[in-house]
Amino acid sequence: MGRYLRWQAAIALLGIALLVALLRYAAYNFTTITVPDRGGIYVEGVAGSAQYVNPLLSHYNQVDALLVSLLFNGLTRLDEQGNVVPDLAAGWEISADGLIYDFRLRSGLTWHDGAPVTAADVLYTVGAMQADDFPGVPWLHTLWKAVKVEAPDGPEGRTIRFTLEQPLPSFLDYTTIGLLPAHLWARVPAAEMENSQLNTRPVGTGMWQLARLVATRAELTANPRFAGAAPYLAGLTFRFYPDHQSLMPAYDRKEIDGISVLWPDEIAEAARRPDLQIFSAPLSGYTLIYLNLANPNVPFFQDTAVRQALLYALDRQNLIDTVLHGQGVVAHSPLLPGTWAYDPDTPKYAFDPEKARRLLDEAGWVVPETGNIREKEGKKLAFILVGDDPQLLEAIARAWAAVGVEATVQPVTLAGLTADFLAPRSFDAAVVHWELAGDPDPYPLWHSTQIKDGQNYAGWNDRATDEAIEQARATVDPAVRKQHYSAFQRIFASEAPALLLYYPVYAYGVRDKVRGVQIGPLNAPHDRFRNVAEWYIVTKRITVGSQAPKLDRAAQ
């Protein structure tokens, strides 16, 4: 009996030894790793609310623009470098004279409701912008009014032809605008577009589709018909708040997982939250001070020496370091660094208050014996400075006061700045933030034809500038265009028709439970979602072989 028990014990020990050996072998050859899984909803807080979730009407509302970027696609889109690349279009061809653009839609595209995407959708979208009663931004109508659009294979085909009256190298930029579904919108006259319920029940082609839109939030779900890679996240929710100051408290209350934008003075506070990831990247555009050259109440802005003095008086790096907490780069050109058109040899203005005082003295603006504000022929060098950033306005006003210039600060909302001051040209000086992307063509902002109804809010009317811009537009040769743009930049630096401040850096925050978030250069704030397909919240563990035999690549 004892011998039998000893054999049983021996067999048991042998079994245990074999089991341990097998487990060690398995542990050596296999391991488990955590990988992204599908599911989870990312919730972000934004200031404002949706009004027109329509790519043709979203230009005045950042929430609209954000939702449009996620729900709609254009024939093309801009990549991280601001280059135009295919989107709904598989590609395009341009005629040798630069007048004809032939696009071919990708096959198998559908709208969120399952209807096919065809040339008819392009015809409708362009036709709406061409209509005389189009309610969107005027520059869209002006641009597309001069373009002939056709569908050579018929409306139900996939070929679209655009014919221009004259070469326009920046034309491809305009093909990034989101398309509208003709089968839904064709029954809505252009004049009635703003009143259509389709603006709050949008049907697009994007990775995401709208599930619900109410006064407090927009809920998006993954589009099962999307032609590209499916996202890990099941949905995105944007909660609407009355102002930006409400976002950080909402994050602390765990109402949201993302803060759509972090202002420079919030970065330090945000960094104290251990579960908040902070992302920042250069934003295509610049901040500048418009001086209203056409306003008779401030005739001194017509004097180049005065404009130059105002720029020399500003320590722009100090403004970036103190007001923006380092979130910016001093701007020296209205064409963006990193683009092919930027000329690094463009003359630059350093901070030089003594030179500013000398220029003003030579221009006849002197400090009186009984005062601090410069005068000339009984008129003070004083004006009103408007903008939506009170801290920045105050810092600029203090710098100018140091050289004898009085700027009375008037903070306004961003919407009010555009509607009440810029559009009617009823301002003296204004701090404005421009988002610029794509082709560097400065025509919309600086050509004299844009003074009355366009975006030349400075009212700059200079023949040499117009000629440089026109000649650059008349050729598709990048080398020739660059020569004309270099001339434009030199003229701009010499004349200082507006005072360039800085190129901005955009920052936002995401709770650390959201993984896979990456950021690169941004053409617009909504580009922070460029790699959203890779974001994930849910994970799973899988077993992989760590000692799997390696394949001979030559035999593959």
Protein backbone atom coordinates (compact mmCIF):
# COMPACT_ATOMS: atom_id res chain seq x y z
CA MET A 1 0.00 0.00 0.00
CA GLY A 2 2.80 2.42 0.93
CA ARG A 3 4.61 1.62 -2.30
CA TYR A 4 1.40 2.41 -4.24
CA LEU A 5 1.04 5.79 -2.53
CA ARG A 6 4.67 6.62 -3.27
CA TRP A 7 4.04 5.93 -6.96
CA GLN A 8 0.95 8.18 -6.92
CA ALA A 9 2.95 10.96 -5.29
CA ALA A 10 5.71 10.54 -7.83
CA ILE A 11 3.25 10.70 -10.72
CA ALA A 12 1.59 13.81 -9.21
CA LEU A 13 4.94 15.56 -8.81
CA LEU A 14 5.85 14.66 -12.35
CA GLY A 15 2.54 16.09 -13.57
CA ILE A 16 3.12 19.30 -11.67
CA ALA A 17 6.62 19.59 -13.11
CA LEU A 18 5.27 19.07 -16.62
CA LEU A 19 2.54 21.66 -16.02
CA VAL A 20 5.09 24.20 -14.77
CA ALA A 21 7.26 23.50 -17.80
CA LEU A 22 4.30 23.98 -20.13
CA LEU A 23 3.32 27.23 -18.41
CA ARG A 24 6.88 28.50 -18.67
CA TYR A 25 6.95 27.54 -22.33
CA ALA A 26 3.64 29.32 -22.94
CA ALA A 27 4.81 32.40 -21.07
CA TYR A 28 8.00 32.42 -23.10
CA ASN A 29 6.30 31.99 -26.44
CA PHE A 30 3.10 33.95 -25.85
CA THR A 31 2.18 37.18 -24.09
CA THR A 32 -0.90 39.35 -23.75
CA ILE A 33 -1.04 42.98 -24.80
CA THR A 34 -3.66 45.71 -24.52
CA VAL A 35 -5.00 47.02 -27.82
CA PRO A 36 -7.74 49.47 -28.82
CA ASP A 37 -11.27 48.15 -29.08
CA ARG A 38 -14.40 49.67 -30.54
CA GLY A 39 -16.78 51.57 -28.32
CA GLY A 40 -16.88 54.56 -26.02
CA ILE A 41 -18.06 58.11 -26.58
CA TYR A 42 -15.80 61.14 -26.43
CA VAL A 43 -17.52 64.20 -24.93
CA GLU A 44 -16.09 67.66 -25.61
CA GLY A 45 -17.19 71.05 -24.35
CA VAL A 46 -17.46 73.95 -26.78
CA ALA A 47 -18.46 77.58 -26.33
CA GLY A 48 -21.51 78.51 -28.39
CA SER A 49 -24.11 76.41 -30.14
CA ALA A 50 -25.05 75.13 -33.57
CA GLN A 51 -27.18 77.15 -35.95
CA TYR A 52 -26.40 76.20 -39.55
CA VAL A 53 -24.79 72.76 -39.85
CA ASN A 54 -24.33 73.46 -43.52
CA PRO A 55 -20.95 73.83 -45.27
CA LEU A 56 -22.24 76.80 -47.27
CA LEU A 57 -23.46 78.71 -44.21
CA SER A 58 -21.00 77.78 -41.47
CA HIS A 59 -18.36 80.46 -41.93
CA TYR A 60 -19.49 82.78 -39.12
CA ASN A 61 -19.95 80.16 -36.38
CA GLN A 62 -17.10 78.01 -35.05
CA VAL A 63 -19.46 75.33 -33.70
CA ASP A 64 -21.11 75.05 -37.11
CA ALA A 65 -17.69 74.83 -38.77
CA LEU A 66 -16.63 72.07 -36.36
CA LEU A 67 -19.72 69.93 -36.99
CA VAL A 68 -19.52 70.51 -40.74
CA SER A 69 -15.90 69.30 -40.79
CA LEU A 70 -16.95 66.00 -39.20
CA LEU A 71 -20.16 65.42 -41.16
CA PHE A 72 -19.32 66.63 -44.67
CA ASN A 73 -16.61 66.21 -47.29
CA GLY A 74 -15.54 68.23 -50.29
CA LEU A 75 -14.09 67.08 -53.57
CA THR A 76 -10.73 67.80 -51.94
CA ARG A 77 -9.31 68.55 -48.52
CA LEU A 78 -6.19 70.16 -47.04
CA ASP A 79 -3.46 68.01 -45.49
CA GLU A 80 -1.24 69.04 -42.58
CA GLN A 81 1.00 71.11 -44.85
CA GLY A 82 -1.96 72.94 -46.36
CA ASN A 83 -1.69 71.06 -49.65
CA VAL A 84 -4.85 70.15 -51.56
CA VAL A 85 -5.34 66.37 -51.70
CA PRO A 86 -8.23 64.16 -52.93
CA ASP A 87 -11.26 63.57 -50.75
CA LEU A 88 -14.54 62.65 -52.47
CA ALA A 89 -12.70 63.04 -55.76
CA ALA A 90 -10.34 60.27 -56.80
CA GLY A 91 -8.24 62.87 -58.61
CA TRP A 92 -8.30 65.66 -61.16
CA GLU A 93 -6.61 66.97 -64.28
CA ILE A 94 -5.84 70.59 -65.15
CA SER A 95 -5.55 71.88 -68.70
CA ALA A 96 -2.27 73.40 -69.85
CA ASP A 97 -3.76 76.91 -69.83
CA GLY A 98 -5.03 76.50 -66.26
CA LEU A 99 -8.67 77.11 -67.22
CA ILE A 100 -10.24 73.63 -67.15
CA TYR A 101 -10.35 71.31 -64.13
CA ASP A 102 -11.73 67.79 -64.64
CA PHE A 103 -12.63 65.86 -61.47
CA ARG A 104 -13.64 62.22 -61.09
CA LEU A 105 -15.64 61.14 -58.04
CA ARG A 106 -14.59 57.97 -56.24
CA SER A 107 -16.86 55.03 -56.88
CA GLY A 108 -19.24 53.62 -54.28
CA LEU A 109 -19.72 56.86 -52.31
CA THR A 110 -23.02 57.29 -50.45
CA TRP A 111 -24.68 59.89 -48.30
CA HIS A 112 -25.58 59.14 -44.69
CA ASP A 113 -29.07 58.11 -45.84
CA GLY A 114 -27.69 55.63 -48.37
CA ALA A 115 -28.28 57.67 -51.54
CA PRO A 116 -25.37 57.61 -54.02
CA VAL A 117 -23.05 60.59 -54.40
CA THR A 118 -23.10 61.80 -58.01
CA ALA A 119 -22.18 64.77 -60.15
CA ALA A 120 -25.68 66.14 -59.45
CA ASP A 121 -24.57 66.94 -55.88
CA VAL A 122 -21.66 69.01 -57.18
CA LEU A 123 -23.93 70.79 -59.68
CA TYR A 124 -26.42 71.66 -56.96
CA THR A 125 -23.81 72.84 -54.43
CA VAL A 126 -22.05 75.10 -56.92
CA GLY A 127 -25.37 76.33 -58.32
CA ALA A 128 -26.53 77.36 -54.85
CA MET A 129 -23.39 79.46 -54.36
CA GLN A 130 -23.81 81.01 -57.81
CA ALA A 131 -27.39 82.12 -57.13
CA ASP A 132 -27.83 85.88 -56.87
CA ASP A 133 -29.82 85.41 -53.66
CA PHE A 134 -27.25 83.08 -52.06
CA PRO A 135 -27.31 83.89 -48.30
CA GLY A 136 -23.75 82.74 -47.50
CA VAL A 137 -20.55 84.77 -47.33
CA PRO A 138 -20.22 87.08 -50.37
CA TRP A 139 -16.76 85.88 -51.41
CA LEU A 140 -18.07 82.38 -52.11
CA HIS A 141 -20.69 83.77 -54.47
CA THR A 142 -18.15 86.05 -56.16
CA LEU A 143 -15.70 83.21 -56.77
CA TRP A 144 -18.14 80.59 -58.02
CA LYS A 145 -20.21 83.03 -60.09
CA ALA A 146 -17.31 83.18 -62.54
CA VAL A 147 -16.94 79.38 -62.83
CA LYS A 148 -18.82 77.22 -65.33
CA VAL A 149 -19.65 73.76 -63.96
CA GLU A 150 -20.70 70.79 -66.07
CA ALA A 151 -21.26 67.03 -65.76
CA PRO A 152 -19.92 65.55 -69.04
CA ASP A 153 -21.30 62.10 -68.21
CA GLY A 154 -24.64 63.45 -67.01
CA PRO A 155 -25.88 64.35 -63.51
CA GLU A 156 -25.88 60.73 -62.39
CA GLY A 157 -22.28 60.23 -63.51
CA ARG A 158 -19.05 60.79 -61.63
CA THR A 159 -17.25 63.35 -63.83
CA ILE A 160 -17.32 67.10 -63.15
CA ARG A 161 -15.73 69.83 -65.22
CA PHE A 162 -15.01 73.37 -64.00
CA THR A 163 -14.13 76.04 -66.56
CA LEU A 164 -12.60 79.31 -65.37
CA GLU A 165 -12.67 82.62 -67.19
CA GLN A 166 -9.01 83.21 -66.35
CA PRO A 167 -6.31 81.22 -64.54
CA LEU A 168 -6.67 81.07 -60.77
CA PRO A 169 -3.90 79.01 -59.13
CA SER A 170 -5.77 78.98 -55.82
CA PHE A 171 -8.94 77.52 -57.35
CA LEU A 172 -8.33 74.04 -55.91
CA ASP A 173 -8.65 75.50 -52.41
CA TYR A 174 -12.29 76.31 -53.11
CA THR A 175 -13.04 72.70 -54.01
CA THR A 176 -12.52 71.75 -50.35
CA ILE A 177 -15.97 73.10 -49.45
CA GLY A 178 -18.38 70.40 -48.33
CA LEU A 179 -20.95 69.12 -50.81
CA LEU A 180 -24.70 69.13 -50.15
CA PRO A 181 -27.00 66.23 -51.20
CA ALA A 182 -29.01 67.36 -54.22
CA HIS A 183 -31.73 64.78 -53.60
CA LEU A 184 -32.63 66.63 -50.38
CA TRP A 185 -31.65 70.24 -51.05
CA ALA A 186 -32.77 70.69 -54.67
CA ARG A 187 -36.30 71.50 -53.51
CA VAL A 188 -34.99 74.40 -51.34
CA PRO A 189 -34.49 77.73 -53.18
CA ALA A 190 -31.18 79.41 -52.36
CA ALA A 191 -32.99 82.37 -50.79
CA GLU A 192 -34.71 79.98 -48.36
CA MET A 193 -31.57 78.01 -47.46
CA GLU A 194 -31.17 79.67 -44.06
CA ASN A 195 -34.71 78.66 -43.06
CA SER A 196 -34.46 74.99 -44.02
CA GLN A 197 -34.76 72.31 -41.32
CA LEU A 198 -31.95 70.50 -43.15
CA ASN A 199 -29.53 72.89 -41.44
CA THR A 200 -30.22 71.11 -38.15
CA ARG A 201 -30.83 67.67 -39.69
CA PRO A 202 -27.73 67.48 -41.87
CA VAL A 203 -27.02 64.59 -44.20
CA GLY A 204 -23.40 64.36 -45.29
CA THR A 205 -20.74 61.87 -46.33
CA GLY A 206 -18.35 62.09 -43.39
CA MET A 207 -17.01 59.54 -40.94
CA TRP A 208 -19.65 60.73 -38.48
CA GLN A 209 -23.38 61.27 -38.84
CA LEU A 210 -25.71 63.33 -36.68
CA ALA A 211 -27.84 61.29 -34.30
CA ARG A 212 -29.28 64.14 -32.24
CA LEU A 213 -29.07 67.92 -32.09
CA VAL A 214 -30.70 69.84 -29.23
CA ALA A 215 -30.06 73.18 -27.56
CA THR A 216 -27.48 71.73 -25.18
CA ARG A 217 -25.53 69.27 -27.31
CA ALA A 218 -24.89 67.51 -30.60
CA GLU A 219 -24.53 63.73 -30.64
CA LEU A 220 -22.65 62.06 -33.49
CA THR A 221 -22.34 58.36 -34.22
CA ALA A 222 -19.96 56.50 -36.51
CA ASN A 223 -21.19 56.37 -40.12
CA PRO A 224 -21.48 52.67 -41.09
CA ARG A 225 -21.38 53.63 -44.79
CA PHE A 226 -18.17 55.66 -44.55
CA ALA A 227 -15.76 54.76 -47.33
CA GLY A 228 -12.63 55.06 -45.18
CA ALA A 229 -11.37 53.33 -42.04
CA ALA A 230 -13.96 52.96 -39.27
CA PRO A 231 -13.15 54.81 -36.03
CA TYR A 232 -12.64 53.01 -32.72
CA LEU A 233 -14.97 55.46 -30.94
CA ALA A 234 -18.69 54.73 -31.17
CA GLY A 235 -19.54 58.41 -31.08
CA LEU A 236 -18.68 62.02 -30.39
CA THR A 237 -20.78 64.35 -28.26
CA PHE A 238 -20.31 68.12 -28.16
CA ARG A 239 -21.85 69.86 -25.18
CA PHE A 240 -22.68 73.51 -25.70
CA TYR A 241 -21.80 76.10 -23.03
CA PRO A 242 -22.62 79.82 -22.98
CA ASP A 243 -18.98 80.94 -22.85
CA HIS A 244 -15.43 79.67 -22.78
CA GLN A 245 -15.08 80.27 -19.06
CA SER A 246 -17.62 77.50 -18.43
CA LEU A 247 -15.45 74.76 -19.95
CA MET A 248 -12.84 74.17 -17.23
CA PRO A 249 -15.45 73.89 -14.43
CA ALA A 250 -17.43 71.49 -16.64
CA TYR A 251 -14.30 69.37 -17.02
CA ASP A 252 -13.79 69.31 -13.26
CA ARG A 253 -17.40 68.20 -12.81
CA LYS A 254 -16.65 65.36 -15.27
CA GLU A 255 -19.37 66.55 -17.64
CA ILE A 256 -16.85 66.56 -20.49
CA ASP A 257 -13.62 64.78 -21.40
CA GLY A 258 -12.28 67.46 -23.73
CA ILE A 259 -11.82 71.23 -23.64
CA SER A 260 -12.06 72.50 -27.20
CA VAL A 261 -9.53 75.29 -26.74
CA LEU A 262 -7.24 76.35 -23.93
CA TRP A 263 -6.51 80.05 -23.88
CA PRO A 264 -2.89 80.99 -23.20
CA ASP A 265 -3.59 82.19 -19.65
CA GLU A 266 -5.22 78.82 -18.86
CA ILE A 267 -2.29 76.59 -19.79
CA ALA A 268 -0.61 76.70 -16.36
CA GLU A 269 -3.88 75.98 -14.55
CA ALA A 270 -4.74 73.17 -16.95
CA ALA A 271 -1.32 71.59 -16.45
CA ARG A 272 -2.06 71.17 -12.74
CA ARG A 273 -4.73 68.60 -13.54
CA PRO A 274 -2.95 65.22 -13.60
CA ASP A 275 -5.60 63.57 -15.77
CA LEU A 276 -5.62 66.26 -18.47
CA GLN A 277 -3.47 65.83 -21.58
CA ILE A 278 -2.55 69.16 -23.22
CA PHE A 279 -1.92 69.28 -26.95
CA SER A 280 -0.68 72.29 -28.90
CA ALA A 281 0.32 72.99 -32.49
CA PRO A 282 0.84 75.93 -34.83
CA LEU A 283 -2.40 77.25 -36.29
CA SER A 284 -2.31 78.52 -39.88
CA GLY A 285 -3.01 82.21 -39.70
CA TYR A 286 -1.92 85.35 -37.91
CA THR A 287 -3.09 88.05 -35.55
CA LEU A 288 -2.72 91.64 -36.70
CA ILE A 289 -3.91 95.16 -36.01
CA TYR A 290 -5.97 96.68 -38.80
CA LEU A 291 -5.52 100.43 -39.13
CA ASN A 292 -8.51 101.86 -40.98
CA LEU A 293 -6.80 103.75 -43.79
CA ALA A 294 -10.15 104.84 -45.23
CA ASN A 295 -11.59 106.31 -42.03
CA PRO A 296 -11.56 110.14 -42.20
CA ASN A 297 -11.65 110.34 -38.40
CA VAL A 298 -8.12 108.92 -38.20
CA PRO A 299 -6.33 110.51 -41.19
CA PHE A 300 -2.92 110.03 -39.55
CA PHE A 301 -3.07 106.33 -40.45
CA GLN A 302 -2.52 107.41 -44.06
CA ASP A 303 1.03 108.39 -43.07
CA THR A 304 3.44 105.48 -43.55
CA ALA A 305 5.80 106.90 -40.90
CA VAL A 306 3.03 106.80 -38.29
CA ARG A 307 2.19 103.19 -39.12
CA GLN A 308 5.84 102.18 -38.96
CA ALA A 309 6.27 103.96 -35.63
CA LEU A 310 3.30 102.12 -34.13
CA LEU A 311 4.90 98.81 -35.11
CA TYR A 312 8.37 99.72 -33.81
CA ALA A 313 6.76 100.67 -30.49
CA LEU A 314 5.43 97.14 -29.90
CA ASP A 315 7.55 94.53 -28.15
CA ARG A 316 5.75 91.66 -29.83
CA GLN A 317 7.87 88.94 -28.26
CA ASN A 318 7.01 90.33 -24.84
CA LEU A 319 3.31 90.31 -25.76
CA ILE A 320 3.67 86.62 -26.69
CA ASP A 321 5.58 85.79 -23.49
CA THR A 322 3.31 87.67 -21.08
CA VAL A 323 -0.17 87.84 -22.58
CA LEU A 324 -0.03 84.62 -24.63
CA HIS A 325 2.21 82.70 -22.21
CA GLY A 326 4.45 81.73 -25.09
CA GLN A 327 1.67 80.48 -27.37
CA GLY A 328 2.75 82.33 -30.51
CA VAL A 329 5.58 83.30 -32.86
CA VAL A 330 6.36 86.89 -33.93
CA ALA A 331 4.91 87.54 -37.39
CA HIS A 332 6.90 89.35 -40.07
CA SER A 333 4.93 88.53 -43.23
CA PRO A 334 1.28 88.14 -44.25
CA LEU A 335 2.34 84.91 -45.98
CA LEU A 336 2.91 82.05 -43.58
CA PRO A 337 6.34 80.60 -42.74
CA GLY A 338 6.70 77.04 -43.96
CA THR A 339 4.75 77.71 -47.14
CA TRP A 340 6.50 77.80 -50.51
CA ALA A 341 5.59 81.46 -51.00
CA TYR A 342 7.14 82.76 -47.78
CA ASP A 343 10.24 84.91 -48.27
CA PRO A 344 12.56 84.69 -45.22
CA ASP A 345 14.42 87.78 -46.45
CA THR A 346 11.37 90.00 -45.98
CA PRO A 347 12.40 93.08 -43.93
CA LYS A 348 11.59 92.73 -40.23
CA TYR A 349 10.65 95.25 -37.54
CA ALA A 350 12.45 94.91 -34.22
CA PHE A 351 11.23 96.48 -30.99
CA ASP A 352 12.72 99.98 -31.11
CA PRO A 353 10.75 102.60 -29.12
CA GLU A 354 13.41 105.26 -29.72
CA LYS A 355 13.03 104.85 -33.49
CA ALA A 356 9.27 105.03 -33.04
CA ARG A 357 9.59 108.36 -31.21
CA ARG A 358 11.98 109.70 -33.85
CA LEU A 359 9.64 108.77 -36.73
CA LEU A 360 6.71 110.46 -35.00
CA ASP A 361 8.78 113.58 -34.28
CA GLU A 362 9.87 113.77 -37.94
CA ALA A 363 6.27 113.34 -39.06
CA GLY A 364 5.29 116.39 -36.99
CA TRP A 365 3.62 114.55 -34.11
CA VAL A 366 5.17 116.03 -30.98
CA VAL A 367 4.51 115.78 -27.27
CA PRO A 368 3.14 119.11 -26.01
CA GLU A 369 4.65 120.87 -23.00
CA THR A 370 1.51 120.28 -20.96
CA GLY A 371 0.54 116.73 -21.83
CA ASN A 372 1.64 113.22 -22.74
CA ILE A 373 -0.28 112.65 -25.98
CA ARG A 374 1.35 113.72 -29.21
CA GLU A 375 -0.33 116.42 -31.27
CA LYS A 376 -0.10 117.89 -34.75
CA GLU A 377 -1.92 121.00 -35.87
CA GLY A 378 -4.17 120.81 -32.82
CA LYS A 379 -5.20 117.18 -33.37
CA LYS A 380 -4.19 114.46 -30.93
CA LEU A 381 -2.68 111.17 -32.00
CA ALA A 382 -5.52 109.27 -30.36
CA PHE A 383 -7.95 106.60 -31.54
CA ILE A 384 -10.08 103.66 -30.38
CA LEU A 385 -8.69 100.11 -30.42
CA VAL A 386 -11.26 97.29 -30.58
CA GLY A 387 -10.79 93.53 -30.25
CA ASP A 388 -11.97 90.43 -28.43
CA ASP A 389 -8.94 89.95 -26.12
CA PRO A 390 -8.95 92.59 -23.34
CA GLN A 391 -5.53 91.63 -22.00
CA LEU A 392 -3.90 91.95 -25.41
CA LEU A 393 -5.65 95.27 -26.06
CA GLU A 394 -4.46 96.73 -22.76
CA ALA A 395 -0.87 95.59 -23.33
CA ILE A 396 -0.81 97.18 -26.80
CA ALA A 397 -2.31 100.42 -25.47
CA ARG A 398 0.36 100.63 -22.74
CA ALA A 399 3.15 100.16 -25.28
CA TRP A 400 1.80 102.96 -27.46
CA ALA A 401 1.26 105.25 -24.48
CA ALA A 402 4.99 104.95 -23.79
CA VAL A 403 5.71 106.74 -27.10
CA GLY A 404 2.95 109.34 -26.75
CA VAL A 405 0.07 107.62 -28.57
CA GLU A 406 -3.34 107.25 -26.94
CA ALA A 407 -5.35 104.11 -27.78
CA THR A 408 -8.66 103.82 -25.95
CA VAL A 409 -9.42 100.15 -25.49
CA GLN A 410 -12.88 98.81 -26.39
CA PRO A 411 -13.29 95.04 -25.85
CA VAL A 412 -16.02 93.39 -27.95
CA THR A 413 -17.20 89.87 -28.70
CA LEU A 414 -15.81 88.03 -31.70
CA ALA A 415 -19.21 88.09 -33.40
CA GLY A 416 -19.60 91.79 -32.60
CA LEU A 417 -16.15 92.58 -33.95
CA THR A 418 -17.09 91.19 -37.35
CA ALA A 419 -20.67 92.36 -37.59
CA ASP A 420 -20.44 95.78 -35.94
CA PHE A 421 -16.95 96.97 -36.81
CA LEU A 422 -15.18 95.10 -39.60
CA ALA A 423 -18.04 94.50 -42.04
CA PRO A 424 -19.33 98.12 -41.94
CA ARG A 425 -15.73 99.44 -41.74
CA SER A 426 -16.72 101.45 -38.65
CA PHE A 427 -13.52 101.21 -36.61
CA ASP A 428 -10.29 103.13 -36.04
CA ALA A 429 -7.99 100.22 -35.24
CA ALA A 430 -8.90 96.57 -34.62
CA VAL A 431 -7.04 93.48 -33.40
CA VAL A 432 -8.15 90.60 -35.62
CA HIS A 433 -7.26 86.90 -35.71
CA TRP A 434 -7.16 85.37 -39.18
CA GLU A 435 -7.19 81.65 -39.96
CA LEU A 436 -5.49 81.04 -43.30
CA ALA A 437 -4.83 77.76 -45.05
CA GLY A 438 -4.14 76.38 -48.48
CA ASP A 439 -2.89 78.51 -51.33
CA PRO A 440 -1.17 81.71 -50.11
CA ASP A 441 -3.04 83.98 -52.56
CA PRO A 442 -3.39 87.33 -50.67
CA TYR A 443 -5.99 88.72 -53.09
CA PRO A 444 -9.03 88.40 -50.75
CA LEU A 445 -7.33 90.32 -47.94
CA TRP A 446 -5.11 92.88 -49.63
CA HIS A 447 -6.22 93.65 -53.19
CA SER A 448 -7.87 97.07 -53.61
CA THR A 449 -10.99 95.56 -55.21
CA GLN A 450 -11.76 93.96 -51.84
CA ILE A 451 -11.97 97.24 -49.93
CA LYS A 452 -15.70 97.82 -50.22
CA ASP A 453 -17.33 94.39 -49.93
CA GLY A 454 -14.40 92.01 -49.51
CA GLN A 455 -12.00 91.36 -46.65
CA ASN A 456 -9.53 94.21 -47.21
CA TYR A 457 -10.69 95.79 -43.95
CA ALA A 458 -7.58 97.98 -43.79
CA GLY A 459 -8.69 99.78 -46.95
CA TRP A 460 -5.23 99.42 -48.46
CA ASN A 461 -5.15 100.78 -52.00
CA ASP A 462 -1.69 100.42 -53.52
CA ARG A 463 -1.14 99.91 -57.25
CA ALA A 464 2.22 98.12 -56.90
CA THR A 465 0.63 95.66 -54.48
CA ASP A 466 -2.31 95.04 -56.80
CA GLU A 467 0.04 94.36 -59.71
CA ALA A 468 2.14 91.86 -57.73
CA ILE A 469 -1.00 89.98 -56.65
CA GLU A 470 -2.53 90.07 -60.14
CA GLN A 471 0.64 88.84 -61.83
CA ALA A 472 0.94 85.97 -59.34
CA ARG A 473 -2.65 85.01 -60.13
CA ALA A 474 -2.05 85.08 -63.87
CA THR A 475 0.41 82.16 -63.87
CA VAL A 476 0.40 78.60 -62.59
CA ASP A 477 4.21 78.44 -62.44
CA PRO A 478 5.13 78.33 -58.71
CA ALA A 479 8.58 79.83 -59.31
CA VAL A 480 7.11 82.87 -61.08
CA ARG A 481 4.37 83.21 -58.47
CA LYS A 482 7.00 83.13 -55.71
CA GLN A 483 8.83 86.06 -57.32
CA HIS A 484 5.66 88.15 -57.33
CA TYR A 485 4.81 87.15 -53.77
CA SER A 486 8.31 88.13 -52.64
CA ALA A 487 7.67 91.57 -54.13
CA PHE A 488 4.31 91.72 -52.35
CA GLN A 489 5.95 90.88 -49.00
CA ARG A 490 8.63 93.55 -49.44
CA ILE A 491 6.01 96.18 -50.25
CA PHE A 492 3.92 95.13 -47.26
CA ALA A 493 6.90 95.40 -44.92
CA SER A 494 7.83 98.82 -46.27
CA GLU A 495 4.32 100.28 -46.14
CA ALA A 496 3.02 98.51 -43.00
CA PRO A 497 -0.65 98.87 -44.05
CA ALA A 498 -1.51 96.73 -41.01
CA LEU A 499 0.57 95.74 -38.00
CA LEU A 500 1.39 92.04 -37.89
CA LEU A 501 1.62 90.69 -34.35
CA TYR A 502 2.06 86.91 -34.21
CA TYR A 503 1.36 83.51 -35.70
CA PRO A 504 -0.78 81.69 -33.10
CA VAL A 505 -0.34 78.34 -31.39
CA TYR A 506 -3.54 76.41 -30.69
CA ALA A 507 -3.95 74.35 -27.51
CA TYR A 508 -6.69 72.07 -26.23
CA GLY A 509 -7.11 69.46 -23.52
CA VAL A 510 -8.27 65.82 -23.49
CA ARG A 511 -8.79 63.56 -20.46
CA ASP A 512 -6.16 60.82 -20.25
CA LYS A 513 -8.72 58.03 -20.59
CA VAL A 514 -8.85 58.98 -24.27
CA ARG A 515 -5.85 57.46 -26.05
CA GLY A 516 -4.36 57.75 -29.51
CA VAL A 517 -4.76 61.52 -29.74
CA GLN A 518 -2.11 63.18 -31.89
CA ILE A 519 -1.75 66.69 -33.26
CA GLY A 520 0.17 68.31 -36.08
CA PRO A 521 0.01 71.70 -37.80
CA LEU A 522 -3.58 72.91 -37.98
CA ASN A 523 -5.23 74.66 -40.91
CA ALA A 524 -8.22 75.38 -38.65
CA PRO A 525 -9.10 74.49 -35.03
CA HIS A 526 -11.35 71.62 -36.12
CA ASP A 527 -8.28 69.90 -37.62
CA ARG A 528 -7.58 68.66 -34.09
CA PHE A 529 -9.85 65.78 -35.12
CA ARG A 530 -7.74 64.90 -38.15
CA ASN A 531 -6.70 61.52 -36.67
CA VAL A 532 -9.91 60.92 -34.68
CA ALA A 533 -10.26 57.48 -36.30
CA GLU A 534 -7.30 56.42 -34.12
CA TRP A 535 -8.71 57.76 -30.83
CA TYR A 536 -9.97 55.12 -28.42
CA ILE A 537 -11.36 54.70 -24.91
CA VAL A 538 -12.18 50.99 -24.76
CA THR A 539 -9.39 48.41 -24.79
CA LYS A 540 -9.07 44.62 -24.84
CA ARG A 541 -6.28 42.15 -24.15
CA ILE A 542 -5.11 39.75 -26.81
CA THR A 543 -2.53 36.97 -26.77
CA VAL A 544 0.32 37.17 -29.23
CA GLY A 545 3.29 34.88 -29.91
CA SER A 546 6.52 36.58 -28.91
CA GLN A 547 8.71 33.82 -30.33
CA ALA A 548 6.85 33.20 -33.58
CA PRO A 549 9.19 32.21 -36.42
CA LYS A 550 10.26 35.11 -38.57
CA LEU A 551 9.27 35.01 -42.21
CA ASP A 552 11.94 35.26 -44.86
CA ARG A 553 10.95 38.64 -46.48
CA ALA A 554 12.57 37.50 -49.74
CA ALA A 555 10.15 34.58 -49.85
CA GLN A 556 7.03 36.69 -49.26
